[in-house]
Amino acid sequence: KNSIETHDVNPAYTSQYCPICGQHFEERYGSHHELTKCKKCGKMNANIAAAKNILSRLTDEEITLYTPYKRVKEILASRIKEA
């Protein structure tokens, strides 16, 4: 009766990259390392950034659930260079 729809996505690096510009976060801080800073976009909550990145993975045709961890990093790095 009360159900929600779920999807599996590849979680690799979702909390380490900015969901706005794609840059790798330069630092994490806060008592639980929940805050982060992007060189271009400024400060943000790392958990919210990760949630946004996870949502974008639903429609990402290049990073699938089974894309290897190292390949995900390569793809993310290439997207920064292209931007």
C-alpha atoms as a PDB file:
ATOM      1  CA  LYS A   1       0.000   0.000   0.000  1.00  0.00           C
ATOM      2  CA  ASN A   2       2.633   2.532   1.026  1.00  0.00           C
ATOM      3  CA  SER A   3       5.562   1.811  -1.227  1.00  0.00           C
ATOM      4  CA  ILE A   4       8.258   3.845  -2.890  1.00  0.00           C
ATOM      5  CA  GLU A   5      10.067   3.239  -6.132  1.00  0.00           C
ATOM      6  CA  THR A   6      13.797   2.595  -5.862  1.00  0.00           C
ATOM      7  CA  HIS A   7      16.591   2.345  -8.419  1.00  0.00           C
ATOM      8  CA  ASP A   8      20.128   1.072  -8.119  1.00  0.00           C
ATOM      9  CA  VAL A   9      22.860   3.417  -9.349  1.00  0.00           C
ATOM     10  CA  ASN A  10      26.627   3.378  -9.262  1.00  0.00           C
ATOM     11  CA  PRO A  11      27.615   5.253  -6.076  1.00  0.00           C
ATOM     12  CA  ALA A  12      31.298   5.733  -6.970  1.00  0.00           C
ATOM     13  CA  TYR A  13      32.563   9.245  -6.188  1.00  0.00           C
ATOM     14  CA  THR A  14      29.094  10.737  -5.693  1.00  0.00           C
ATOM     15  CA  SER A  15      30.180  12.639  -2.570  1.00  0.00           C
ATOM     16  CA  GLN A  16      33.515  13.748  -4.013  1.00  0.00           C
ATOM     17  CA  TYR A  17      32.434  15.790  -7.041  1.00  0.00           C
ATOM     18  CA  CYS A  18      30.384  18.969  -7.361  1.00  0.00           C
ATOM     19  CA  PRO A  19      26.911  18.304  -8.817  1.00  0.00           C
ATOM     20  CA  ILE A  20      26.880  21.782 -10.378  1.00  0.00           C
ATOM     21  CA  CYS A  21      30.197  22.047 -12.245  1.00  0.00           C
ATOM     22  CA  GLY A  22      31.690  18.563 -11.891  1.00  0.00           C
ATOM     23  CA  GLN A  23      34.895  19.673 -10.155  1.00  0.00           C
ATOM     24  CA  HIS A  24      36.485  17.424  -7.539  1.00  0.00           C
ATOM     25  CA  PHE A  25      35.926  18.876  -4.065  1.00  0.00           C
ATOM     26  CA  GLU A  26      39.108  20.342  -2.629  1.00  0.00           C
ATOM     27  CA  GLU A  27      38.316  19.711   1.029  1.00  0.00           C
ATOM     28  CA  ARG A  28      35.850  18.225   3.493  1.00  0.00           C
ATOM     29  CA  TYR A  29      35.288  19.694   6.930  1.00  0.00           C
ATOM     30  CA  GLY A  30      32.774  19.930   9.746  1.00  0.00           C
ATOM     31  CA  SER A  31      32.473  17.707  12.783  1.00  0.00           C
ATOM     32  CA  HIS A  32      31.380  14.774  10.593  1.00  0.00           C
ATOM     33  CA  HIS A  33      33.059  15.901   7.338  1.00  0.00           C
ATOM     34  CA  GLU A  34      29.592  16.763   6.066  1.00  0.00           C
ATOM     35  CA  LEU A  35      30.627  20.077   4.534  1.00  0.00           C
ATOM     36  CA  THR A  36      32.715  20.522   1.425  1.00  0.00           C
ATOM     37  CA  LYS A  37      34.073  23.228  -0.835  1.00  0.00           C
ATOM     38  CA  CYS A  38      34.171  23.439  -4.611  1.00  0.00           C
ATOM     39  CA  LYS A  39      36.739  25.787  -6.204  1.00  0.00           C
ATOM     40  CA  LYS A  40      34.103  27.180  -8.575  1.00  0.00           C
ATOM     41  CA  CYS A  41      30.783  26.888  -6.721  1.00  0.00           C
ATOM     42  CA  GLY A  42      31.765  27.422  -3.084  1.00  0.00           C
ATOM     43  CA  LYS A  43      30.627  25.660   0.066  1.00  0.00           C
ATOM     44  CA  MET A  44      27.914  23.016   0.191  1.00  0.00           C
ATOM     45  CA  ASN A  45      26.709  20.044   2.192  1.00  0.00           C
ATOM     46  CA  ALA A  46      28.483  16.914   0.926  1.00  0.00           C
ATOM     47  CA  ASN A  47      25.449  14.718   1.612  1.00  0.00           C
ATOM     48  CA  ILE A  48      23.183  16.933  -0.479  1.00  0.00           C
ATOM     49  CA  ALA A  49      25.802  17.063  -3.231  1.00  0.00           C
ATOM     50  CA  ALA A  50      25.984  13.257  -3.190  1.00  0.00           C
ATOM     51  CA  ALA A  51      22.193  12.967  -3.361  1.00  0.00           C
ATOM     52  CA  LYS A  52      22.121  15.245  -6.418  1.00  0.00           C
ATOM     53  CA  ASN A  53      24.879  13.225  -8.068  1.00  0.00           C
ATOM     54  CA  ILE A  54      23.029   9.986  -7.324  1.00  0.00           C
ATOM     55  CA  LEU A  55      19.894  11.419  -8.918  1.00  0.00           C
ATOM     56  CA  SER A  56      21.835  12.397 -12.039  1.00  0.00           C
ATOM     57  CA  ARG A  57      23.201   8.853 -12.323  1.00  0.00           C
ATOM     58  CA  LEU A  58      19.671   7.641 -13.109  1.00  0.00           C
ATOM     59  CA  THR A  59      19.957   9.136 -16.589  1.00  0.00           C
ATOM     60  CA  ASP A  60      23.725   8.897 -17.078  1.00  0.00           C
ATOM     61  CA  GLU A  61      24.288   6.699 -20.112  1.00  0.00           C
ATOM     62  CA  GLU A  62      28.057   6.520 -19.593  1.00  0.00           C
ATOM     63  CA  ILE A  63      28.192   5.620 -15.882  1.00  0.00           C
ATOM     64  CA  THR A  64      26.040   2.564 -15.344  1.00  0.00           C
ATOM     65  CA  LEU A  65      25.551   0.463 -12.237  1.00  0.00           C
ATOM     66  CA  TYR A  66      28.334  -1.892 -13.309  1.00  0.00           C
ATOM     67  CA  THR A  67      30.906   0.645 -14.513  1.00  0.00           C
ATOM     68  CA  PRO A  68      34.141  -0.131 -12.621  1.00  0.00           C
ATOM     69  CA  TYR A  69      35.166   2.315  -9.900  1.00  0.00           C
ATOM     70  CA  LYS A  70      38.373   3.382 -11.690  1.00  0.00           C
ATOM     71  CA  ARG A  71      36.509   3.919 -14.961  1.00  0.00           C
ATOM     72  CA  VAL A  72      33.981   6.165 -13.190  1.00  0.00           C
ATOM     73  CA  LYS A  73      36.870   8.354 -12.012  1.00  0.00           C
ATOM     74  CA  GLU A  74      38.247   8.536 -15.569  1.00  0.00           C
ATOM     75  CA  ILE A  75      34.845   9.531 -16.948  1.00  0.00           C
ATOM     76  CA  LEU A  76      34.361  12.233 -14.317  1.00  0.00           C
ATOM     77  CA  ALA A  77      37.868  13.607 -14.964  1.00  0.00           C
ATOM     78  CA  SER A  78      37.225  13.757 -18.715  1.00  0.00           C
ATOM     79  CA  ARG A  79      33.996  15.683 -18.150  1.00  0.00           C
ATOM     80  CA  ILE A  80      35.882  18.348 -16.197  1.00  0.00           C
ATOM     81  CA  LYS A  81      38.367  18.765 -19.057  1.00  0.00           C
ATOM     82  CA  GLU A  82      35.540  19.033 -21.608  1.00  0.00           C
ATOM     83  CA  ALA A  83      33.675  21.735 -19.663  1.00  0.00           C
END
